[in-house]
Amino acid sequence: MPAIIYQNKNNNSIYKIEHSEIIPSEPYFLDCDEDSFLLQGDYPQNNLMVLNKDNIFTKELYPVVTQDPEGKILMQAYLNKESLNFSLSTGYAHYFSRTRNRLWKKGEESGHLQNVISIFYNNDFKFYVYNVEQISNACHTGSYSCFFRKVVDGKIYTL
């Protein structure tokens, strides 16, 4: 089931992330794996809170959006308690890979590491935002962001 990410275009804040079988209305950005959609619009301000070691969630798997300091969305992935703890303790972004079924340090093979600047979560712990310094490119295709395609009027445009 695809993830839909809502980003406030005015201030680059992530408003919400939801899973849906329904493809969102165009225009939207499509990620490299074609399983995440990024919608930019005028959404209400989201009050994200800074994460620290005292308020880590205890449930199994949650979506995380990774963005650079300017608010550019780099990728969408998933994290669990272990990957979040590693991100906090090492300063490098870690995720839980559903395809590999294991903990995954971004850039462990490519060298395209993500230095964690801050981690935020929404008030009900349903999604997280990593703010990172991206070393080289985030996408395995060589693009800076996984959201390098925009869909408008049924046509896909590569940015």
Protein backbone atom coordinates (compact mmCIF):
# COMPACT_ATOMS: atom_id res chain seq x y z
CA MET A 1 0.00 0.00 0.00
CA PRO A 2 1.59 3.30 -1.08
CA ALA A 3 2.53 6.08 1.33
CA ILE A 4 1.14 9.55 0.67
CA ILE A 5 3.18 12.43 2.08
CA TYR A 6 1.61 15.87 2.51
CA GLN A 7 4.07 18.77 2.61
CA ASN A 8 3.12 22.40 3.24
CA LYS A 9 4.60 24.19 0.24
CA ASN A 10 4.93 27.49 2.13
CA ASN A 11 7.22 26.30 4.94
CA ASN A 12 8.30 22.77 3.90
CA SER A 13 6.71 21.19 6.98
CA ILE A 14 5.37 17.67 6.70
CA TYR A 15 1.67 17.73 7.56
CA LYS A 16 0.91 14.03 7.56
CA ILE A 17 1.73 10.65 6.06
CA GLU A 18 -0.97 8.11 5.33
CA HIS A 19 -1.26 4.79 3.54
CA SER A 20 -3.88 4.44 0.85
CA GLU A 21 -4.72 2.18 -2.04
CA ILE A 22 -6.14 5.21 -3.85
CA ILE A 23 -3.69 7.18 -5.99
CA PRO A 24 -3.89 10.86 -5.02
CA SER A 25 -5.10 13.65 -7.27
CA GLU A 26 -2.51 15.15 -9.60
CA PRO A 27 -0.10 16.86 -9.62
CA TYR A 28 2.15 14.85 -7.34
CA PHE A 29 5.76 13.72 -7.12
CA LEU A 30 6.45 10.01 -7.47
CA ASP A 31 9.40 8.33 -5.80
CA CYS A 32 11.85 5.99 -7.52
CA ASP A 33 10.17 2.82 -6.22
CA GLU A 34 6.72 4.08 -7.21
CA ASP A 35 5.38 3.35 -3.74
CA SER A 36 5.37 6.88 -2.28
CA PHE A 37 3.57 9.99 -3.46
CA LEU A 38 4.49 13.53 -2.40
CA LEU A 39 1.75 16.18 -2.47
CA GLN A 40 2.67 19.81 -1.92
CA GLY A 41 -0.02 22.28 -1.02
CA ASP A 42 -1.44 24.63 1.55
CA TYR A 43 -1.88 22.28 4.50
CA PRO A 44 -2.31 23.29 8.14
CA GLN A 45 0.86 23.83 10.14
CA ASN A 46 1.94 20.57 11.75
CA ASN A 47 3.36 20.73 15.24
CA LEU A 48 6.22 18.26 15.10
CA MET A 49 8.19 17.67 18.26
CA VAL A 50 11.90 16.99 18.61
CA LEU A 51 12.69 13.39 19.44
CA ASN A 52 15.10 12.44 22.18
CA LYS A 53 15.97 9.15 23.86
CA ASP A 54 13.25 9.60 26.47
CA ASN A 55 10.31 9.61 24.08
CA ILE A 56 11.02 6.78 21.64
CA PHE A 57 7.95 4.88 20.50
CA THR A 58 7.43 1.23 21.32
CA LYS A 59 5.36 0.00 18.35
CA GLU A 60 6.83 -1.97 15.48
CA LEU A 61 7.16 -0.02 12.21
CA TYR A 62 6.47 3.61 11.26
CA PRO A 63 6.99 5.72 8.15
CA VAL A 64 9.74 8.32 8.14
CA VAL A 65 10.28 11.11 5.65
CA THR A 66 13.85 12.30 5.20
CA GLN A 67 14.52 15.87 4.16
CA ASP A 68 17.55 18.13 3.85
CA PRO A 69 17.97 21.38 5.85
CA GLU A 70 16.19 23.36 3.11
CA GLY A 71 13.13 21.11 3.34
CA LYS A 72 13.72 19.16 0.12
CA ILE A 73 12.17 15.72 0.53
CA LEU A 74 14.86 13.12 -0.14
CA MET A 75 13.12 9.83 0.51
CA GLN A 76 10.47 7.94 2.45
CA ALA A 77 11.28 4.79 4.37
CA TYR A 78 10.34 2.97 7.58
CA LEU A 79 11.86 2.76 11.01
CA ASN A 80 11.48 0.66 14.10
CA LYS A 81 12.75 1.16 17.63
CA GLU A 82 16.16 -0.36 16.84
CA SER A 83 16.78 1.78 13.75
CA LEU A 84 15.68 4.90 15.59
CA ASN A 85 18.03 4.11 18.49
CA PHE A 86 20.92 3.62 16.05
CA SER A 87 20.13 6.94 14.35
CA LEU A 88 20.14 8.70 17.72
CA SER A 89 23.29 7.03 19.03
CA THR A 90 25.46 7.10 15.88
CA GLY A 91 24.32 10.33 14.24
CA TYR A 92 23.74 8.51 10.93
CA ALA A 93 20.29 7.74 9.51
CA HIS A 94 19.22 4.14 10.00
CA TYR A 95 16.02 2.57 8.73
CA PHE A 96 14.29 -0.79 8.73
CA SER A 97 14.40 -2.33 5.27
CA ARG A 98 11.21 -4.24 4.56
CA THR A 99 12.73 -5.95 1.50
CA ARG A 100 15.89 -7.01 3.34
CA ASN A 101 13.97 -7.57 6.59
CA ARG A 102 16.76 -6.00 8.63
CA LEU A 103 18.24 -2.81 10.00
CA TRP A 104 19.74 -0.63 7.26
CA LYS A 105 22.21 2.23 7.55
CA LYS A 106 21.64 4.63 4.65
CA GLY A 107 24.80 4.65 2.55
CA GLU A 108 26.29 1.48 4.02
CA GLU A 109 27.07 0.24 0.50
CA SER A 110 27.02 3.41 -1.61
CA GLY A 111 28.77 5.75 0.81
CA HIS A 112 25.87 8.21 0.41
CA LEU A 113 25.44 8.67 4.14
CA GLN A 114 22.93 10.85 5.92
CA ASN A 115 24.18 12.80 8.93
CA VAL A 116 21.23 13.29 11.26
CA ILE A 117 20.67 16.92 12.24
CA SER A 118 17.38 16.37 14.07
CA ILE A 119 14.51 13.91 14.32
CA PHE A 120 10.89 14.98 14.72
CA TYR A 121 7.67 13.12 15.34
CA ASN A 122 4.01 14.04 15.32
CA ASN A 123 1.97 14.13 18.50
CA ASP A 124 0.60 10.60 18.20
CA PHE A 125 3.85 8.92 17.09
CA LYS A 126 2.37 7.89 13.71
CA PHE A 127 5.17 9.30 11.57
CA TYR A 128 8.67 10.73 11.83
CA VAL A 129 10.80 13.24 9.96
CA TYR A 130 14.59 12.98 9.72
CA ASN A 131 16.33 16.26 8.98
CA VAL A 132 19.72 15.26 7.53
CA GLU A 133 22.82 16.46 5.79
CA GLN A 134 22.85 14.26 2.67
CA ILE A 135 26.29 13.07 1.53
CA SER A 136 26.02 12.91 -2.27
CA ASN A 137 22.70 11.52 -3.56
CA ALA A 138 19.83 9.97 -1.62
CA CYS A 139 18.38 7.86 -4.41
CA HIS A 140 19.86 4.60 -5.67
CA THR A 141 19.22 5.89 -9.22
CA GLY A 142 21.83 8.64 -8.72
CA SER A 143 19.31 11.45 -8.20
CA TYR A 144 19.65 13.78 -5.24
CA SER A 145 16.06 12.95 -4.18
CA CYS A 146 13.97 9.85 -4.75
CA PHE A 147 11.16 12.23 -5.76
CA PHE A 148 12.62 13.27 -9.11
CA ARG A 149 9.49 12.68 -11.19
CA LYS A 150 6.33 14.78 -11.24
CA VAL A 151 3.01 13.49 -12.55
CA VAL A 152 0.75 16.09 -14.19
CA ASP A 153 -2.25 15.34 -16.44
CA GLY A 154 -1.26 11.68 -16.60
CA LYS A 155 2.23 12.44 -17.88
CA ILE A 156 5.44 11.79 -15.95
CA TYR A 157 8.07 14.51 -16.06
CA THR A 158 11.62 13.84 -14.89
CA LEU A 159 13.04 16.78 -12.99
